[in-house]
Amino acid sequence: ILHSRVARSNIWGLTKLGARVIVCGPATLIPPHVEQLGVEVSYDLDAVLPEADCVNLLRIQAERQRSAFFPSIYEYAHFFAMNGQRVQRAKDDVLILAPGPINRGVELTPDVADGNRSVILDQVTNGLFIRMASLHLCYQSRQALSRESS
């Protein structure tokens, strides 16, 4: 979350739409004062998982991290990876999301990534079209403003 533009965009958009957002991860990856963005913070995935309608997993971006934010990938996966056991404790209709790319075995296990609750491939595919539509709307708005000011 600390280095994630995706997290900030999602927090902004989802809270504006009235969603209850809980950010969860190691304390070292939770930005200071993130609660000011209208979210709740948890450091215990197992505690908040039963409440979630969807779980949006973010990739550990080792290439952007100059220092260790947790002791090891294995420890991170132990406490925060979405695995089959955690999916069983979640709501029956929970959706598993991830903007991609994903690190299989780190943020989530392969069985969860490919499971029936995962909509990751749909999310990645549709993301392109959403960005295209957003750019088109921005362009149209700019064109309309240009015509009005002429």
C-alpha atoms as a PDB file:
ATOM      1  CA  ILE A   1       0.000   0.000   0.000  1.00  0.00           C
ATOM      2  CA  LEU A   2       2.871   2.300   0.892  1.00  0.00           C
ATOM      3  CA  HIS A   3       4.195   2.497  -2.691  1.00  0.00           C
ATOM      4  CA  SER A   4       0.973   1.813  -4.563  1.00  0.00           C
ATOM      5  CA  ARG A   5      -0.697   4.315  -6.867  1.00  0.00           C
ATOM      6  CA  VAL A   6      -3.360   1.654  -7.445  1.00  0.00           C
ATOM      7  CA  ALA A   7      -4.156   1.564  -3.724  1.00  0.00           C
ATOM      8  CA  ARG A   8      -4.482   5.336  -3.500  1.00  0.00           C
ATOM      9  CA  SER A   9      -6.706   5.471  -6.595  1.00  0.00           C
ATOM     10  CA  ASN A  10      -8.907   2.660  -5.320  1.00  0.00           C
ATOM     11  CA  ILE A  11      -9.189   4.218  -1.868  1.00  0.00           C
ATOM     12  CA  TRP A  12     -10.157   7.549  -3.366  1.00  0.00           C
ATOM     13  CA  GLY A  13     -12.710   6.109  -5.783  1.00  0.00           C
ATOM     14  CA  LEU A  14     -14.273   3.541  -3.481  1.00  0.00           C
ATOM     15  CA  THR A  15     -14.677   5.909  -0.541  1.00  0.00           C
ATOM     16  CA  LYS A  16     -16.220   8.527  -2.843  1.00  0.00           C
ATOM     17  CA  LEU A  17     -18.769   5.889  -3.846  1.00  0.00           C
ATOM     18  CA  GLY A  18     -19.546   5.172  -0.193  1.00  0.00           C
ATOM     19  CA  ALA A  19     -17.740   1.862   0.202  1.00  0.00           C
ATOM     20  CA  ARG A  20     -16.315   0.810   3.530  1.00  0.00           C
ATOM     21  CA  VAL A  21     -12.623   0.234   2.844  1.00  0.00           C
ATOM     22  CA  ILE A  22     -10.280  -1.626   5.160  1.00  0.00           C
ATOM     23  CA  VAL A  23      -6.597  -1.584   4.293  1.00  0.00           C
ATOM     24  CA  CYS A  24      -4.661  -4.495   5.689  1.00  0.00           C
ATOM     25  CA  GLY A  25      -0.999  -5.387   5.658  1.00  0.00           C
ATOM     26  CA  PRO A  26       2.166  -5.222   7.695  1.00  0.00           C
ATOM     27  CA  ALA A  27       2.497  -1.980   9.653  1.00  0.00           C
ATOM     28  CA  THR A  28       5.605  -1.146   7.638  1.00  0.00           C
ATOM     29  CA  LEU A  29       3.560  -1.056   4.409  1.00  0.00           C
ATOM     30  CA  ILE A  30       0.634   0.990   5.729  1.00  0.00           C
ATOM     31  CA  PRO A  31       1.191   4.711   5.074  1.00  0.00           C
ATOM     32  CA  PRO A  32       1.098   6.967   8.125  1.00  0.00           C
ATOM     33  CA  HIS A  33      -2.228   8.755   8.551  1.00  0.00           C
ATOM     34  CA  VAL A  34      -3.949   6.673   5.852  1.00  0.00           C
ATOM     35  CA  GLU A  35      -7.077   6.803   8.022  1.00  0.00           C
ATOM     36  CA  GLN A  36      -7.423  10.438   6.957  1.00  0.00           C
ATOM     37  CA  LEU A  37      -8.434   9.105   3.530  1.00  0.00           C
ATOM     38  CA  GLY A  38     -11.555   7.598   5.095  1.00  0.00           C
ATOM     39  CA  VAL A  39     -10.373   4.015   5.502  1.00  0.00           C
ATOM     40  CA  GLU A  40     -10.008   1.648   8.416  1.00  0.00           C
ATOM     41  CA  VAL A  41      -6.682  -0.058   9.080  1.00  0.00           C
ATOM     42  CA  SER A  42      -6.054  -3.625  10.172  1.00  0.00           C
ATOM     43  CA  TYR A  43      -2.860  -5.576  10.574  1.00  0.00           C
ATOM     44  CA  ASP A  44      -4.714  -8.892  10.856  1.00  0.00           C
ATOM     45  CA  LEU A  45      -6.137 -10.261   7.609  1.00  0.00           C
ATOM     46  CA  ASP A  46      -7.808 -13.185   9.344  1.00  0.00           C
ATOM     47  CA  ALA A  47      -9.741 -10.817  11.622  1.00  0.00           C
ATOM     48  CA  VAL A  48     -11.221  -8.668   8.839  1.00  0.00           C
ATOM     49  CA  LEU A  49     -11.602 -11.267   6.105  1.00  0.00           C
ATOM     50  CA  PRO A  50     -15.051 -12.525   7.195  1.00  0.00           C
ATOM     51  CA  GLU A  51     -16.416  -8.974   6.737  1.00  0.00           C
ATOM     52  CA  ALA A  52     -15.127  -8.485   3.198  1.00  0.00           C
ATOM     53  CA  ASP A  53     -17.330  -8.523   0.112  1.00  0.00           C
ATOM     54  CA  CYS A  54     -14.206  -8.361  -2.012  1.00  0.00           C
ATOM     55  CA  VAL A  55     -10.492  -8.596  -1.389  1.00  0.00           C
ATOM     56  CA  ASN A  56      -8.240  -6.565  -3.655  1.00  0.00           C
ATOM     57  CA  LEU A  57      -4.691  -7.876  -3.431  1.00  0.00           C
ATOM     58  CA  LEU A  58      -1.746  -5.724  -4.402  1.00  0.00           C
ATOM     59  CA  ARG A  59       1.558  -7.044  -5.680  1.00  0.00           C
ATOM     60  CA  ILE A  60       4.635  -6.714  -3.516  1.00  0.00           C
ATOM     61  CA  GLN A  61       6.785  -4.415  -5.641  1.00  0.00           C
ATOM     62  CA  ALA A  62      10.273  -5.484  -4.639  1.00  0.00           C
ATOM     63  CA  GLU A  63      11.757  -3.364  -7.431  1.00  0.00           C
ATOM     64  CA  ARG A  64      10.464  -0.185  -5.740  1.00  0.00           C
ATOM     65  CA  GLN A  65      11.526  -1.097  -2.239  1.00  0.00           C
ATOM     66  CA  ARG A  66      15.018  -0.071  -1.262  1.00  0.00           C
ATOM     67  CA  SER A  67      14.756  -1.479   2.245  1.00  0.00           C
ATOM     68  CA  ALA A  68      13.124  -4.523   3.777  1.00  0.00           C
ATOM     69  CA  PHE A  69       9.587  -3.787   4.964  1.00  0.00           C
ATOM     70  CA  PHE A  70       9.118  -7.300   6.351  1.00  0.00           C
ATOM     71  CA  PRO A  71      11.562 -10.047   7.345  1.00  0.00           C
ATOM     72  CA  SER A  72      10.938 -12.297   4.338  1.00  0.00           C
ATOM     73  CA  ILE A  73       8.543 -13.083   1.524  1.00  0.00           C
ATOM     74  CA  TYR A  74       7.698 -16.306   3.348  1.00  0.00           C
ATOM     75  CA  GLU A  75       6.659 -14.433   6.475  1.00  0.00           C
ATOM     76  CA  TYR A  76       4.606 -11.984   4.416  1.00  0.00           C
ATOM     77  CA  ALA A  77       2.850 -14.865   2.656  1.00  0.00           C
ATOM     78  CA  HIS A  78       2.193 -16.627   5.960  1.00  0.00           C
ATOM     79  CA  PHE A  79       0.355 -13.630   7.422  1.00  0.00           C
ATOM     80  CA  PHE A  80      -1.124 -11.934   4.359  1.00  0.00           C
ATOM     81  CA  ALA A  81      -1.359 -14.272   1.342  1.00  0.00           C
ATOM     82  CA  MET A  82      -4.848 -15.217   0.235  1.00  0.00           C
ATOM     83  CA  ASN A  83      -4.817 -18.996   0.322  1.00  0.00           C
ATOM     84  CA  GLY A  84      -7.439 -21.724   0.256  1.00  0.00           C
ATOM     85  CA  GLN A  85      -7.873 -21.732   4.035  1.00  0.00           C
ATOM     86  CA  ARG A  86      -8.519 -18.016   4.101  1.00  0.00           C
ATOM     87  CA  VAL A  87     -10.968 -18.235   1.212  1.00  0.00           C
ATOM     88  CA  GLN A  88     -12.912 -20.847   3.196  1.00  0.00           C
ATOM     89  CA  ARG A  89     -13.228 -18.368   6.095  1.00  0.00           C
ATOM     90  CA  ALA A  90     -14.426 -15.577   3.805  1.00  0.00           C
ATOM     91  CA  LYS A  91     -17.992 -14.937   2.701  1.00  0.00           C
ATOM     92  CA  ASP A  92     -19.319 -17.511   0.240  1.00  0.00           C
ATOM     93  CA  ASP A  93     -19.587 -14.879  -2.493  1.00  0.00           C
ATOM     94  CA  VAL A  94     -16.370 -12.966  -1.807  1.00  0.00           C
ATOM     95  CA  LEU A  95     -14.623 -11.705  -4.935  1.00  0.00           C
ATOM     96  CA  ILE A  96     -10.851 -11.935  -5.200  1.00  0.00           C
ATOM     97  CA  LEU A  97      -9.366  -9.053  -7.173  1.00  0.00           C
ATOM     98  CA  ALA A  98      -5.855  -8.022  -8.147  1.00  0.00           C
ATOM     99  CA  PRO A  99      -4.941  -5.434 -10.760  1.00  0.00           C
ATOM    100  CA  GLY A 100      -2.071  -7.569 -12.033  1.00  0.00           C
ATOM    101  CA  PRO A 101       0.541  -8.625 -12.369  1.00  0.00           C
ATOM    102  CA  ILE A 102       0.497 -11.032  -9.445  1.00  0.00           C
ATOM    103  CA  ASN A 103       3.202 -12.944  -7.626  1.00  0.00           C
ATOM    104  CA  ARG A 104       1.768 -16.435  -7.270  1.00  0.00           C
ATOM    105  CA  GLY A 105       2.618 -17.819  -3.868  1.00  0.00           C
ATOM    106  CA  VAL A 106       3.198 -14.377  -2.375  1.00  0.00           C
ATOM    107  CA  GLU A 107      -0.030 -12.346  -2.454  1.00  0.00           C
ATOM    108  CA  LEU A 108      -2.144 -15.363  -3.278  1.00  0.00           C
ATOM    109  CA  THR A 109      -1.753 -19.034  -3.945  1.00  0.00           C
ATOM    110  CA  PRO A 110      -2.284 -20.463  -7.443  1.00  0.00           C
ATOM    111  CA  ASP A 111      -5.481 -22.276  -6.404  1.00  0.00           C
ATOM    112  CA  VAL A 112      -7.002 -18.964  -5.296  1.00  0.00           C
ATOM    113  CA  ALA A 113      -5.766 -17.061  -8.364  1.00  0.00           C
ATOM    114  CA  ASP A 114      -7.387 -19.647 -10.619  1.00  0.00           C
ATOM    115  CA  GLY A 115     -10.372 -20.392  -8.358  1.00  0.00           C
ATOM    116  CA  ASN A 116     -14.040 -19.662  -8.914  1.00  0.00           C
ATOM    117  CA  ARG A 117     -14.025 -16.585  -6.648  1.00  0.00           C
ATOM    118  CA  SER A 118     -11.196 -14.931  -8.559  1.00  0.00           C
ATOM    119  CA  VAL A 119     -12.134 -12.275 -11.101  1.00  0.00           C
ATOM    120  CA  ILE A 120      -8.542 -11.219 -11.674  1.00  0.00           C
ATOM    121  CA  LEU A 121      -8.431 -12.026 -15.391  1.00  0.00           C
ATOM    122  CA  ASP A 122     -11.720 -10.178 -15.950  1.00  0.00           C
ATOM    123  CA  GLN A 123     -10.401  -7.219 -13.977  1.00  0.00           C
ATOM    124  CA  VAL A 124      -7.168  -7.057 -15.969  1.00  0.00           C
ATOM    125  CA  THR A 125      -8.978  -7.419 -19.304  1.00  0.00           C
ATOM    126  CA  ASN A 126     -11.647  -4.848 -18.473  1.00  0.00           C
ATOM    127  CA  GLY A 127      -9.085  -2.427 -17.059  1.00  0.00           C
ATOM    128  CA  LEU A 128      -7.832  -1.650 -20.548  1.00  0.00           C
ATOM    129  CA  PHE A 129     -11.323  -0.818 -21.787  1.00  0.00           C
ATOM    130  CA  ILE A 130     -12.100   1.283 -18.710  1.00  0.00           C
ATOM    131  CA  ARG A 131      -8.938   3.330 -19.254  1.00  0.00           C
ATOM    132  CA  MET A 132      -9.780   3.736 -22.945  1.00  0.00           C
ATOM    133  CA  ALA A 133     -13.301   4.907 -22.113  1.00  0.00           C
ATOM    134  CA  SER A 134     -12.010   7.303 -19.447  1.00  0.00           C
ATOM    135  CA  LEU A 135      -9.531   8.857 -21.862  1.00  0.00           C
ATOM    136  CA  HIS A 136     -12.246   9.152 -24.510  1.00  0.00           C
ATOM    137  CA  LEU A 137     -14.563  10.948 -22.064  1.00  0.00           C
ATOM    138  CA  CYS A 138     -11.771  13.312 -21.027  1.00  0.00           C
ATOM    139  CA  TYR A 139     -10.997  14.068 -24.658  1.00  0.00           C
ATOM    140  CA  GLN A 140     -14.670  14.683 -25.464  1.00  0.00           C
ATOM    141  CA  SER A 141     -15.019  17.002 -22.461  1.00  0.00           C
ATOM    142  CA  ARG A 142     -11.979  18.971 -23.539  1.00  0.00           C
ATOM    143  CA  GLN A 143     -13.310  19.243 -27.088  1.00  0.00           C
ATOM    144  CA  ALA A 144     -16.677  20.459 -25.784  1.00  0.00           C
ATOM    145  CA  LEU A 145     -14.986  23.086 -23.598  1.00  0.00           C
ATOM    146  CA  SER A 146     -12.915  24.254 -26.578  1.00  0.00           C
ATOM    147  CA  ARG A 147     -16.052  24.662 -28.695  1.00  0.00           C
ATOM    148  CA  GLU A 148     -17.825  26.584 -25.919  1.00  0.00           C
ATOM    149  CA  SER A 149     -14.939  29.015 -25.470  1.00  0.00           C
ATOM    150  CA  SER A 150     -14.641  29.662 -29.230  1.00  0.00           C
END
